[in-house]
């Protein structure tokens, strides 16, 4: 879902990726409200997975920023393409789950070996 919302499509001849968030956001008035609700679904799932309140607050802040700035005509659509709130939120959630499950990246010592 995150990929479809933030990076599903590529502008030909560029490295610029965008998703349904930017496309739906083009619909005046309701577009950004719809994409904000979709983004809040991801936050809801994070809460159901047991994410702590501070993490949920950070995720909500990402969604709120994306929703408010995204509502600005044209500039907000460019912001949607660049900010990618859903990908940011999934990274926050994955990092938390990896930490909880002990699957974090190995800590490297100065000698180049895992500590």
N, C-alpha and C. Protein backbone atom coordinates (compact mmCIF):
# COMPACT_ATOMS: atom_id res chain seq x y z
N UNK A 1 0.82 -1.18 0.00
CA UNK A 1 0.00 0.00 0.00
C UNK A 1 0.88 1.26 0.00
N UNK A 2 1.95 1.22 0.77
CA UNK A 2 2.85 2.37 0.83
C UNK A 2 3.44 2.67 -0.53
N UNK A 3 3.84 1.63 -1.24
CA UNK A 3 4.42 1.84 -2.57
C UNK A 3 3.41 2.47 -3.51
N UNK A 4 2.18 2.00 -3.50
CA UNK A 4 1.15 2.57 -4.37
C UNK A 4 0.87 4.03 -4.02
N UNK A 5 0.91 4.35 -2.75
CA UNK A 5 0.60 5.71 -2.34
C UNK A 5 1.74 6.69 -2.62
N UNK A 6 3.00 6.23 -2.56
CA UNK A 6 4.12 7.16 -2.65
C UNK A 6 5.05 7.01 -3.86
N UNK A 7 5.23 5.80 -4.38
CA UNK A 7 6.27 5.63 -5.41
C UNK A 7 5.89 4.66 -6.53
N UNK A 8 4.64 4.48 -6.81
CA UNK A 8 4.21 3.48 -7.79
C UNK A 8 4.56 3.83 -9.23
N UNK A 9 4.66 5.11 -9.54
CA UNK A 9 4.86 5.52 -10.93
C UNK A 9 6.16 6.31 -11.09
N UNK A 10 6.70 6.26 -12.29
CA UNK A 10 7.93 6.96 -12.62
C UNK A 10 7.66 7.93 -13.76
N UNK A 11 8.12 9.17 -13.61
CA UNK A 11 8.00 10.13 -14.70
C UNK A 11 9.04 9.73 -15.74
N UNK A 12 8.62 9.40 -16.97
CA UNK A 12 9.56 8.92 -17.99
C UNK A 12 10.72 9.89 -18.21
N UNK A 13 11.90 9.33 -18.32
CA UNK A 13 13.10 10.12 -18.57
C UNK A 13 13.68 10.77 -17.33
N UNK A 14 13.10 10.48 -16.16
CA UNK A 14 13.61 11.05 -14.91
C UNK A 14 13.72 9.94 -13.86
N UNK A 15 14.22 10.31 -12.73
CA UNK A 15 14.25 9.40 -11.58
C UNK A 15 13.17 9.77 -10.57
N UNK A 16 12.21 10.61 -10.98
CA UNK A 16 11.17 11.09 -10.07
C UNK A 16 10.02 10.09 -10.01
N UNK A 17 9.78 9.60 -8.80
CA UNK A 17 8.70 8.65 -8.57
C UNK A 17 7.58 9.35 -7.80
N UNK A 18 6.36 8.94 -8.07
CA UNK A 18 5.20 9.48 -7.36
C UNK A 18 4.17 8.38 -7.25
N UNK A 19 3.16 8.62 -6.43
CA UNK A 19 2.14 7.60 -6.23
C UNK A 19 0.74 8.19 -6.26
N UNK A 20 -0.19 7.36 -5.82
CA UNK A 20 -1.58 7.78 -5.81
C UNK A 20 -1.81 8.98 -4.89
N UNK A 21 -0.99 9.14 -3.88
CA UNK A 21 -1.12 10.29 -2.98
C UNK A 21 -1.06 11.59 -3.79
N UNK A 22 -0.09 11.71 -4.66
CA UNK A 22 0.05 12.92 -5.47
C UNK A 22 -1.09 13.03 -6.49
N UNK A 23 -1.48 11.90 -7.09
CA UNK A 23 -2.55 11.95 -8.10
C UNK A 23 -3.91 12.29 -7.48
N UNK A 24 -4.26 11.60 -6.41
CA UNK A 24 -5.55 11.85 -5.77
C UNK A 24 -5.56 13.27 -5.18
N UNK A 25 -4.40 13.71 -4.70
CA UNK A 25 -4.29 15.05 -4.14
C UNK A 25 -4.57 16.16 -5.13
N UNK A 26 -4.53 15.85 -6.42
CA UNK A 26 -4.84 16.85 -7.44
C UNK A 26 -6.32 17.21 -7.47
N UNK A 27 -7.18 16.34 -6.93
CA UNK A 27 -8.62 16.62 -6.91
C UNK A 27 -8.87 17.70 -5.87
N UNK A 28 -9.34 18.86 -6.30
CA UNK A 28 -9.53 19.98 -5.36
C UNK A 28 -10.48 19.63 -4.21
N UNK A 29 -10.10 20.08 -3.03
CA UNK A 29 -10.96 19.93 -1.87
C UNK A 29 -10.90 18.57 -1.21
N UNK A 30 -11.33 17.55 -1.88
CA UNK A 30 -11.47 16.24 -1.26
C UNK A 30 -10.24 15.34 -1.42
N UNK A 31 -9.42 15.59 -2.42
CA UNK A 31 -8.29 14.71 -2.70
C UNK A 31 -7.35 14.51 -1.53
N UNK A 32 -6.93 15.60 -0.92
CA UNK A 32 -6.00 15.49 0.20
C UNK A 32 -6.66 14.90 1.44
N UNK A 33 -7.95 15.12 1.61
CA UNK A 33 -8.67 14.50 2.73
C UNK A 33 -8.70 12.98 2.56
N UNK A 34 -8.93 12.52 1.35
CA UNK A 34 -8.97 11.08 1.07
C UNK A 34 -7.60 10.46 1.33
N UNK A 35 -6.54 11.08 0.82
CA UNK A 35 -5.21 10.50 1.00
C UNK A 35 -4.77 10.54 2.47
N UNK A 36 -5.22 11.55 3.21
CA UNK A 36 -4.91 11.61 4.64
C UNK A 36 -5.59 10.45 5.37
N UNK A 37 -6.83 10.16 5.03
CA UNK A 37 -7.53 9.03 5.65
C UNK A 37 -6.83 7.70 5.33
N UNK A 38 -6.38 7.56 4.10
CA UNK A 38 -5.65 6.33 3.73
C UNK A 38 -4.36 6.24 4.53
N UNK A 39 -3.66 7.34 4.67
CA UNK A 39 -2.41 7.35 5.44
C UNK A 39 -2.67 7.04 6.91
N UNK A 40 -3.78 7.49 7.44
CA UNK A 40 -4.11 7.19 8.83
C UNK A 40 -4.41 5.72 9.05
N UNK A 41 -4.80 5.01 8.00
CA UNK A 41 -5.00 3.56 8.11
C UNK A 41 -3.68 2.88 8.48
N UNK A 42 -2.59 3.32 7.86
CA UNK A 42 -1.27 2.76 8.17
C UNK A 42 -0.92 3.03 9.63
N UNK A 43 -1.23 4.22 10.12
CA UNK A 43 -0.99 4.56 11.52
C UNK A 43 -1.84 3.66 12.43
N UNK A 44 -3.07 3.43 12.05
CA UNK A 44 -3.95 2.57 12.82
C UNK A 44 -3.39 1.15 12.91
N UNK A 45 -2.86 0.66 11.82
CA UNK A 45 -2.26 -0.68 11.81
C UNK A 45 -1.02 -0.72 12.71
N UNK A 46 -0.25 0.36 12.71
CA UNK A 46 0.93 0.42 13.58
C UNK A 46 0.51 0.35 15.04
N UNK A 47 -0.57 1.05 15.36
CA UNK A 47 -1.10 1.02 16.74
C UNK A 47 -1.56 -0.39 17.09
N UNK A 48 -2.22 -1.06 16.15
CA UNK A 48 -2.69 -2.43 16.39
C UNK A 48 -1.51 -3.39 16.58
N UNK A 49 -0.37 -3.08 15.98
CA UNK A 49 0.82 -3.91 16.14
C UNK A 49 1.57 -3.62 17.43
N UNK A 50 1.08 -2.66 18.20
CA UNK A 50 1.68 -2.37 19.50
C UNK A 50 2.73 -1.28 19.49
N UNK A 51 2.77 -0.47 18.46
CA UNK A 51 3.74 0.62 18.43
C UNK A 51 3.49 1.57 19.60
N UNK A 52 4.56 2.08 20.21
CA UNK A 52 4.40 2.95 21.38
C UNK A 52 3.81 4.31 21.00
N UNK A 53 3.22 5.00 21.99
CA UNK A 53 2.56 6.29 21.72
C UNK A 53 3.46 7.33 21.04
N UNK A 54 4.74 7.39 21.41
CA UNK A 54 5.63 8.37 20.78
C UNK A 54 5.80 8.09 19.29
N UNK A 55 5.92 6.83 18.93
CA UNK A 55 6.03 6.46 17.52
C UNK A 55 4.74 6.80 16.77
N UNK A 56 3.61 6.50 17.38
CA UNK A 56 2.32 6.84 16.77
C UNK A 56 2.21 8.35 16.58
N UNK A 57 2.66 9.12 17.56
CA UNK A 57 2.63 10.58 17.46
C UNK A 57 3.50 11.07 16.31
N UNK A 58 4.67 10.48 16.14
CA UNK A 58 5.54 10.87 15.01
C UNK A 58 4.89 10.54 13.68
N UNK A 59 4.24 9.40 13.61
CA UNK A 59 3.57 9.00 12.38
C UNK A 59 2.40 9.94 12.07
N UNK A 60 1.64 10.30 13.09
CA UNK A 60 0.52 11.23 12.90
C UNK A 60 1.05 12.59 12.46
N UNK A 61 2.17 13.01 13.02
CA UNK A 61 2.76 14.29 12.62
C UNK A 61 3.14 14.26 11.13
N UNK A 62 3.69 13.15 10.67
CA UNK A 62 4.03 13.02 9.24
C UNK A 62 2.77 13.13 8.38
N UNK A 63 1.71 12.45 8.79
CA UNK A 63 0.46 12.47 8.03
C UNK A 63 -0.14 13.88 8.05
N UNK A 64 -0.11 14.52 9.21
CA UNK A 64 -0.68 15.88 9.32
C UNK A 64 0.08 16.86 8.44
N UNK A 65 1.41 16.80 8.49
CA UNK A 65 2.21 17.69 7.65
C UNK A 65 1.91 17.45 6.18
N UNK A 66 1.85 16.19 5.79
CA UNK A 66 1.54 15.85 4.39
C UNK A 66 0.15 16.35 4.01
N UNK A 67 -0.80 16.22 4.91
CA UNK A 67 -2.17 16.66 4.62
C UNK A 67 -2.30 18.16 4.53
N UNK A 68 -1.68 18.88 5.46
CA UNK A 68 -1.79 20.34 5.46
C UNK A 68 -1.05 20.97 4.30
N UNK A 69 0.19 20.59 4.12
CA UNK A 69 0.97 21.18 3.03
C UNK A 69 0.44 20.68 1.68
N UNK A 70 0.01 19.43 1.64
CA UNK A 70 -0.54 18.88 0.40
C UNK A 70 -1.78 19.59 -0.08
N UNK A 71 -2.48 20.27 0.81
CA UNK A 71 -3.70 20.97 0.44
C UNK A 71 -3.44 22.27 -0.32
N UNK A 72 -2.20 22.73 -0.32
CA UNK A 72 -1.85 23.95 -1.06
C UNK A 72 -1.78 23.59 -2.55
N UNK A 73 -2.56 24.27 -3.37
CA UNK A 73 -2.57 23.95 -4.81
C UNK A 73 -1.17 24.01 -5.43
N UNK A 74 -0.85 23.03 -6.25
CA UNK A 74 0.40 22.85 -6.98
C UNK A 74 1.61 22.66 -6.08
N UNK A 75 1.93 23.61 -5.22
CA UNK A 75 3.09 23.45 -4.34
C UNK A 75 2.89 22.24 -3.42
N UNK A 76 1.68 22.05 -2.97
CA UNK A 76 1.37 20.90 -2.11
C UNK A 76 1.52 19.58 -2.85
N UNK A 77 1.18 19.58 -4.12
CA UNK A 77 1.34 18.35 -4.92
C UNK A 77 2.81 18.01 -5.10
N UNK A 78 3.64 19.03 -5.31
CA UNK A 78 5.08 18.81 -5.40
C UNK A 78 5.61 18.29 -4.07
N UNK A 79 5.09 18.84 -2.97
CA UNK A 79 5.49 18.39 -1.64
C UNK A 79 5.12 16.92 -1.44
N UNK A 80 3.93 16.51 -1.90
CA UNK A 80 3.50 15.11 -1.79
C UNK A 80 4.50 14.18 -2.46
N UNK A 81 4.98 14.58 -3.61
CA UNK A 81 5.94 13.76 -4.36
C UNK A 81 7.26 13.65 -3.59
N UNK A 82 7.69 14.74 -2.97
CA UNK A 82 8.98 14.76 -2.30
C UNK A 82 8.96 14.20 -0.88
N UNK A 83 7.91 14.47 -0.11
CA UNK A 83 7.90 14.13 1.31
C UNK A 83 7.66 12.65 1.58
N UNK A 84 6.73 12.04 0.90
CA UNK A 84 6.43 10.61 1.02
C UNK A 84 6.17 10.17 2.46
N UNK A 85 5.14 10.70 3.04
CA UNK A 85 4.81 10.43 4.45
C UNK A 85 4.60 8.95 4.72
N UNK A 86 3.98 8.24 3.80
CA UNK A 86 3.71 6.82 4.04
C UNK A 86 5.00 6.00 4.09
N UNK A 87 5.93 6.30 3.23
CA UNK A 87 7.22 5.59 3.27
C UNK A 87 7.98 5.93 4.55
N UNK A 88 7.91 7.18 4.97
CA UNK A 88 8.55 7.57 6.23
C UNK A 88 7.94 6.79 7.39
N UNK A 89 6.62 6.70 7.39
CA UNK A 89 5.94 6.00 8.48
C UNK A 89 6.24 4.51 8.47
N UNK A 90 6.31 3.92 7.31
CA UNK A 90 6.65 2.49 7.25
C UNK A 90 8.07 2.24 7.74
N UNK A 91 8.99 3.15 7.42
CA UNK A 91 10.36 3.01 7.91
C UNK A 91 10.38 3.11 9.44
N UNK A 92 9.65 4.07 9.99
CA UNK A 92 9.58 4.19 11.45
C UNK A 92 9.05 2.90 12.06
N UNK A 93 7.98 2.36 11.48
CA UNK A 93 7.37 1.14 12.02
C UNK A 93 8.30 -0.06 11.86
N UNK A 94 8.91 -0.20 10.71
CA UNK A 94 9.83 -1.34 10.50
C UNK A 94 11.01 -1.26 11.46
N UNK A 95 11.59 -0.07 11.63
CA UNK A 95 12.71 0.08 12.56
C UNK A 95 12.29 -0.32 13.97
N UNK A 96 11.10 0.10 14.39
CA UNK A 96 10.60 -0.26 15.71
C UNK A 96 10.42 -1.78 15.82
N UNK A 97 9.78 -2.38 14.83
CA UNK A 97 9.54 -3.83 14.89
C UNK A 97 10.84 -4.61 14.85
N UNK A 98 11.81 -4.16 14.07
CA UNK A 98 13.11 -4.82 14.05
C UNK A 98 13.78 -4.75 15.42
N UNK A 99 13.68 -3.60 16.06
CA UNK A 99 14.28 -3.43 17.38
C UNK A 99 13.60 -4.35 18.40
N UNK A 100 12.28 -4.40 18.37
CA UNK A 100 11.53 -5.23 19.31
C UNK A 100 11.83 -6.71 19.10
N UNK A 101 11.96 -7.10 17.85
CA UNK A 101 12.19 -8.51 17.54
C UNK A 101 13.67 -8.87 17.50
N UNK A 102 14.54 -7.91 17.80
CA UNK A 102 15.97 -8.20 17.84
C UNK A 102 16.59 -8.41 16.48
N UNK A 103 15.97 -7.83 15.44
CA UNK A 103 16.48 -8.02 14.08
C UNK A 103 17.22 -6.78 13.57
N UNK A 104 17.65 -5.93 14.47
CA UNK A 104 18.33 -4.70 14.06
C UNK A 104 19.63 -5.01 13.35
N UNK A 105 20.15 -4.02 12.67
CA UNK A 105 21.44 -4.17 11.98
C UNK A 105 22.52 -4.44 13.02
N UNK A 106 23.52 -5.24 12.68
CA UNK A 106 24.58 -5.54 13.64
C UNK A 106 25.37 -4.28 13.96
N UNK A 107 25.81 -4.19 15.20
CA UNK A 107 26.64 -3.08 15.61
C UNK A 107 28.07 -3.40 15.18
N UNK A 108 28.70 -2.51 14.47
CA UNK A 108 30.04 -2.75 13.95
C UNK A 108 31.08 -2.11 14.83
N UNK A 109 32.10 -2.86 15.14
CA UNK A 109 33.20 -2.32 15.93
C UNK A 109 34.17 -1.59 15.01
N UNK A 110 35.06 -0.79 15.57
CA UNK A 110 36.03 -0.05 14.73
C UNK A 110 36.90 -0.98 13.89
N UNK A 111 37.05 -2.23 14.27
CA UNK A 111 37.88 -3.17 13.52
C UNK A 111 37.15 -3.83 12.37
N UNK A 112 35.87 -3.46 12.18
CA UNK A 112 35.14 -3.99 11.04
C UNK A 112 34.43 -5.30 11.28
N UNK A 113 34.45 -5.78 12.50
CA UNK A 113 33.75 -7.04 12.83
C UNK A 113 32.53 -6.74 13.66
N UNK A 114 31.56 -7.60 13.55
CA UNK A 114 30.34 -7.42 14.35
C UNK A 114 30.70 -7.55 15.81
N UNK A 115 30.17 -6.65 16.61
CA UNK A 115 30.44 -6.69 18.05
C UNK A 115 29.56 -7.67 18.74
